[in-house]
N, C-alpha and C. Protein backbone atom coordinates (compact mmCIF):
# COMPACT_ATOMS: atom_id res chain seq x y z
N MET A 1 -55.39 -31.89 -6.56
CA MET A 1 -56.20 -33.06 -5.85
C MET A 1 -55.49 -33.38 -4.70
N MET A 2 -56.03 -33.62 -3.50
CA MET A 2 -55.29 -34.04 -2.26
C MET A 2 -55.81 -35.50 -2.14
N VAL A 3 -54.77 -36.29 -1.74
CA VAL A 3 -54.91 -37.96 -1.55
C VAL A 3 -54.68 -38.05 -0.05
N ALA A 4 -55.64 -38.57 0.74
CA ALA A 4 -55.15 -38.82 2.09
C ALA A 4 -55.22 -40.52 2.03
N LEU A 5 -53.91 -40.98 2.70
CA LEU A 5 -53.36 -42.20 3.12
C LEU A 5 -53.82 -42.85 4.23
N THR A 6 -54.15 -44.05 4.31
CA THR A 6 -54.59 -44.50 5.39
C THR A 6 -53.51 -45.29 6.34
N PRO A 7 -53.31 -45.23 7.44
CA PRO A 7 -52.18 -45.83 8.52
C PRO A 7 -51.56 -46.99 7.84
N PRO A 8 -52.28 -48.04 7.56
CA PRO A 8 -51.56 -49.03 6.62
C PRO A 8 -51.02 -48.59 5.29
N ALA A 9 -51.70 -47.84 4.68
CA ALA A 9 -50.86 -47.76 3.59
C ALA A 9 -49.69 -46.50 3.53
N ILE A 10 -49.40 -45.50 4.69
CA ILE A 10 -48.73 -44.97 5.09
C ILE A 10 -47.25 -45.76 5.54
N LEU A 11 -47.63 -46.82 6.29
CA LEU A 11 -46.69 -47.91 6.75
C LEU A 11 -46.04 -49.04 5.60
N LEU A 12 -47.01 -49.07 4.81
CA LEU A 12 -46.45 -50.03 3.87
C LEU A 12 -45.54 -49.09 2.79
N ALA A 13 -45.79 -47.54 2.40
CA ALA A 13 -45.06 -46.82 1.97
C ALA A 13 -43.70 -46.59 2.38
N LEU A 14 -43.65 -46.55 3.73
CA LEU A 14 -42.34 -46.58 4.57
C LEU A 14 -41.54 -47.54 4.39
N LEU A 15 -42.03 -48.81 4.85
CA LEU A 15 -41.39 -50.10 4.51
C LEU A 15 -40.80 -50.08 3.17
N VAL A 16 -41.51 -49.99 2.11
CA VAL A 16 -40.96 -49.99 0.82
C VAL A 16 -39.87 -49.15 0.57
N THR A 17 -39.84 -47.76 1.01
CA THR A 17 -38.86 -46.70 1.19
C THR A 17 -37.59 -47.52 1.85
N ALA A 18 -37.76 -47.81 3.09
CA ALA A 18 -36.56 -48.33 3.87
C ALA A 18 -35.94 -49.37 3.02
N ALA A 19 -36.89 -50.48 2.50
CA ALA A 19 -36.13 -51.76 1.53
C ALA A 19 -35.42 -51.22 0.56
N ALA A 20 -35.82 -50.20 -0.06
CA ALA A 20 -34.95 -49.87 -1.31
C ALA A 20 -33.44 -48.92 -0.80
N GLU A 21 -33.62 -48.72 0.64
CA GLU A 21 -32.36 -47.90 0.84
C GLU A 21 -31.44 -48.60 1.15
N PRO A 22 -30.06 -48.61 1.10
CA PRO A 22 -29.07 -49.43 1.77
C PRO A 22 -29.02 -49.30 3.36
N SER A 23 -28.87 -49.94 4.10
CA SER A 23 -28.64 -50.02 5.51
C SER A 23 -27.74 -49.05 6.02
N PRO A 24 -27.90 -47.87 7.02
CA PRO A 24 -27.06 -47.29 7.45
C PRO A 24 -25.58 -47.81 8.03
N ARG A 25 -24.64 -47.23 7.55
CA ARG A 25 -23.35 -47.62 8.21
C ARG A 25 -23.39 -46.88 9.37
N VAL A 26 -23.02 -47.60 10.78
CA VAL A 26 -22.82 -46.83 11.77
C VAL A 26 -21.53 -46.54 12.07
N THR A 27 -21.04 -45.13 12.39
CA THR A 27 -19.82 -44.74 12.30
C THR A 27 -19.30 -44.24 13.83
N THR A 28 -18.33 -44.56 14.32
CA THR A 28 -17.87 -43.73 15.44
C THR A 28 -16.55 -43.26 15.42
N ASP A 29 -16.31 -42.40 16.23
CA ASP A 29 -14.79 -41.77 16.35
C ASP A 29 -13.76 -42.76 16.98
N THR A 30 -13.31 -44.02 16.52
CA THR A 30 -12.72 -44.83 17.20
C THR A 30 -11.53 -45.17 16.25
N PRO A 31 -10.32 -46.00 16.88
CA PRO A 31 -9.42 -46.26 16.16
C PRO A 31 -9.67 -47.28 15.31
N GLU A 32 -10.55 -48.46 15.78
CA GLU A 32 -11.43 -49.35 14.80
C GLU A 32 -11.71 -49.04 13.49
N TYR A 33 -12.48 -47.86 13.73
CA TYR A 33 -13.22 -47.21 12.46
C TYR A 33 -12.19 -46.73 11.76
N CYS A 34 -10.99 -45.79 12.20
CA CYS A 34 -9.79 -45.68 11.34
C CYS A 34 -9.56 -46.62 10.45
N ARG A 35 -9.35 -47.90 11.16
CA ARG A 35 -8.32 -49.12 10.66
C ARG A 35 -9.69 -49.68 9.49
N SER A 36 -11.04 -49.62 9.75
CA SER A 36 -11.89 -49.95 8.81
C SER A 36 -11.94 -49.28 7.50
N LEU A 37 -11.80 -47.64 7.77
CA LEU A 37 -11.66 -47.08 6.41
C LEU A 37 -10.22 -47.15 5.82
N VAL A 38 -9.43 -47.43 6.51
CA VAL A 38 -7.79 -47.59 5.71
C VAL A 38 -8.07 -48.92 4.96
N THR A 39 -8.78 -49.92 5.66
CA THR A 39 -8.74 -51.25 4.72
C THR A 39 -9.88 -51.08 3.31
N ARG A 40 -10.88 -50.31 3.77
CA ARG A 40 -11.78 -49.83 2.65
C ARG A 40 -11.15 -49.35 1.51
N LEU A 41 -10.36 -48.28 1.99
CA LEU A 41 -9.48 -47.59 0.86
C LEU A 41 -8.62 -48.56 0.18
N ALA A 42 -7.63 -49.24 0.91
CA ALA A 42 -6.80 -50.15 0.37
C ALA A 42 -7.59 -51.10 -0.84
N GLY A 43 -9.10 -51.44 -0.82
CA GLY A 43 -9.61 -52.21 -1.63
C GLY A 43 -9.85 -51.60 -2.90
N LEU A 44 -9.70 -50.17 -3.08
CA LEU A 44 -10.39 -49.47 -4.08
C LEU A 44 -9.14 -49.44 -5.06
N PRO A 45 -9.53 -49.75 -6.42
CA PRO A 45 -8.48 -49.79 -7.41
C PRO A 45 -7.68 -48.14 -7.35
N ALA A 46 -8.43 -47.17 -7.20
CA ALA A 46 -7.74 -45.82 -7.25
C ALA A 46 -6.99 -45.14 -5.94
N ALA A 47 -7.01 -46.25 -4.97
CA ALA A 47 -6.34 -45.59 -3.97
C ALA A 47 -4.80 -45.12 -4.00
N GLN A 48 -4.24 -45.51 -5.07
CA GLN A 48 -2.78 -45.22 -5.06
C GLN A 48 -2.58 -44.08 -6.17
N GLN A 49 -3.68 -43.47 -6.55
CA GLN A 49 -3.56 -42.30 -7.35
C GLN A 49 -3.65 -41.06 -6.27
N GLU A 50 -3.30 -40.09 -6.65
CA GLU A 50 -3.61 -38.75 -5.95
C GLU A 50 -4.89 -37.97 -6.22
N PRO A 51 -5.69 -37.83 -5.40
CA PRO A 51 -5.43 -37.24 -3.99
C PRO A 51 -5.27 -38.46 -2.77
N SER A 52 -5.91 -39.60 -3.34
CA SER A 52 -6.23 -40.47 -2.48
C SER A 52 -5.19 -40.96 -1.68
N ARG A 53 -4.16 -41.33 -2.38
CA ARG A 53 -2.93 -41.66 -1.75
C ARG A 53 -2.48 -40.82 -0.45
N SER A 54 -2.30 -39.62 -0.88
CA SER A 54 -1.89 -38.40 0.30
C SER A 54 -2.82 -38.30 1.30
N LEU A 55 -4.24 -38.43 0.99
CA LEU A 55 -5.48 -37.85 1.94
C LEU A 55 -5.20 -39.32 3.02
N GLY A 56 -5.14 -40.54 2.34
CA GLY A 56 -4.91 -41.57 3.12
C GLY A 56 -4.01 -41.83 3.95
N ALA A 57 -2.91 -41.51 3.72
CA ALA A 57 -1.44 -41.45 4.64
C ALA A 57 -1.96 -40.65 5.38
N GLU A 58 -2.10 -39.39 5.23
CA GLU A 58 -2.48 -38.36 6.33
C GLU A 58 -3.35 -38.85 7.28
N GLY A 59 -4.41 -39.48 6.91
CA GLY A 59 -5.45 -39.92 7.75
C GLY A 59 -4.90 -40.78 8.52
N GLU A 60 -4.10 -41.89 8.06
CA GLU A 60 -3.75 -43.12 8.77
C GLU A 60 -2.81 -42.46 10.03
N ARG A 61 -1.88 -41.42 9.56
CA ARG A 61 -0.84 -40.91 10.57
C ARG A 61 -1.58 -39.97 11.46
N LEU A 62 -2.60 -39.16 11.15
CA LEU A 62 -3.62 -38.88 12.27
C LEU A 62 -4.17 -39.57 13.48
N CYS A 63 -4.85 -40.61 12.86
CA CYS A 63 -5.39 -41.66 13.39
C CYS A 63 -4.50 -42.42 14.62
N GLY A 64 -3.21 -42.68 14.18
CA GLY A 64 -2.24 -42.95 14.94
C GLY A 64 -1.51 -42.32 15.84
N SER A 65 -1.46 -41.12 15.49
CA SER A 65 -1.29 -40.37 16.70
C SER A 65 -2.18 -39.69 17.54
N GLY A 66 -3.13 -40.04 17.62
CA GLY A 66 -4.36 -39.82 18.62
C GLY A 66 -5.55 -39.07 18.04
N HIS A 67 -5.23 -38.35 16.87
CA HIS A 67 -5.92 -37.48 16.24
C HIS A 67 -7.25 -38.16 15.27
N VAL A 68 -8.20 -38.89 15.95
CA VAL A 68 -8.92 -39.76 15.55
C VAL A 68 -10.11 -39.27 14.64
N ARG A 69 -10.36 -38.17 15.04
CA ARG A 69 -11.71 -37.49 14.17
C ARG A 69 -11.13 -36.75 13.05
N THR A 70 -10.09 -36.19 13.23
CA THR A 70 -9.29 -35.31 11.84
C THR A 70 -9.22 -36.37 11.01
N GLY A 71 -8.46 -37.78 11.42
CA GLY A 71 -7.93 -38.60 10.70
C GLY A 71 -8.96 -39.52 9.88
N ILE A 72 -10.37 -39.40 10.36
CA ILE A 72 -11.52 -40.05 10.10
C ILE A 72 -11.80 -39.39 8.84
N ALA A 73 -12.06 -38.09 9.08
CA ALA A 73 -12.03 -36.91 8.18
C ALA A 73 -11.45 -37.07 6.85
N LYS A 74 -9.89 -37.29 7.05
CA LYS A 74 -8.99 -37.62 5.80
C LYS A 74 -9.39 -38.53 5.29
N LEU A 75 -9.44 -39.62 6.09
CA LEU A 75 -9.76 -41.03 5.39
C LEU A 75 -11.07 -41.19 4.55
N ARG A 76 -11.90 -40.26 5.20
CA ARG A 76 -13.41 -40.16 4.29
C ARG A 76 -13.21 -39.64 2.95
N ARG A 77 -12.66 -38.39 2.91
CA ARG A 77 -12.08 -37.84 1.82
C ARG A 77 -11.40 -38.66 0.66
N ALA A 78 -10.49 -39.41 1.52
CA ALA A 78 -9.32 -40.27 0.73
C ALA A 78 -10.30 -41.26 -0.33
N VAL A 79 -11.33 -41.82 0.57
CA VAL A 79 -12.26 -43.00 0.04
C VAL A 79 -13.28 -42.47 -0.88
N ARG A 80 -13.86 -41.07 -0.68
CA ARG A 80 -14.76 -40.20 -1.90
C ARG A 80 -13.76 -40.21 -3.12
N ALA A 81 -12.42 -39.77 -2.80
CA ALA A 81 -11.70 -39.37 -4.11
C ALA A 81 -11.49 -40.52 -4.82
N ALA A 82 -11.13 -41.66 -4.28
CA ALA A 82 -10.65 -43.02 -4.93
C ALA A 82 -12.03 -43.48 -5.68
N GLN A 83 -13.32 -43.32 -5.13
CA GLN A 83 -14.51 -43.84 -5.94
C GLN A 83 -14.72 -43.11 -6.82
N ALA A 84 -14.42 -41.71 -6.83
CA ALA A 84 -14.85 -40.68 -8.02
C ALA A 84 -13.87 -41.06 -9.05
N THR A 85 -12.70 -41.65 -9.19
CA THR A 85 -11.96 -41.85 -10.22
C THR A 85 -12.45 -43.20 -10.97
N ARG A 86 -13.28 -43.73 -10.58
CA ARG A 86 -13.64 -45.32 -11.26
C ARG A 86 -14.04 -44.77 -12.58
């Protein structure tokens, strides 16, 4: 059985779906975003455990030496690893 939705019903469905999802995080390849990730990682309880610790240190070093994109990738991996150990 196929159900046809009217335009107002479609709009309502989209609004309800959008309200249920968290707002997207805007990311850029900047040193400021590196610092944001370093701060976020530092706030996680498992940040001092491996592999989060070494990934975070490597990401911070890469960002500091001008390799921002690679540093951000390492920092993101560090944050994911720290969140997974909760």
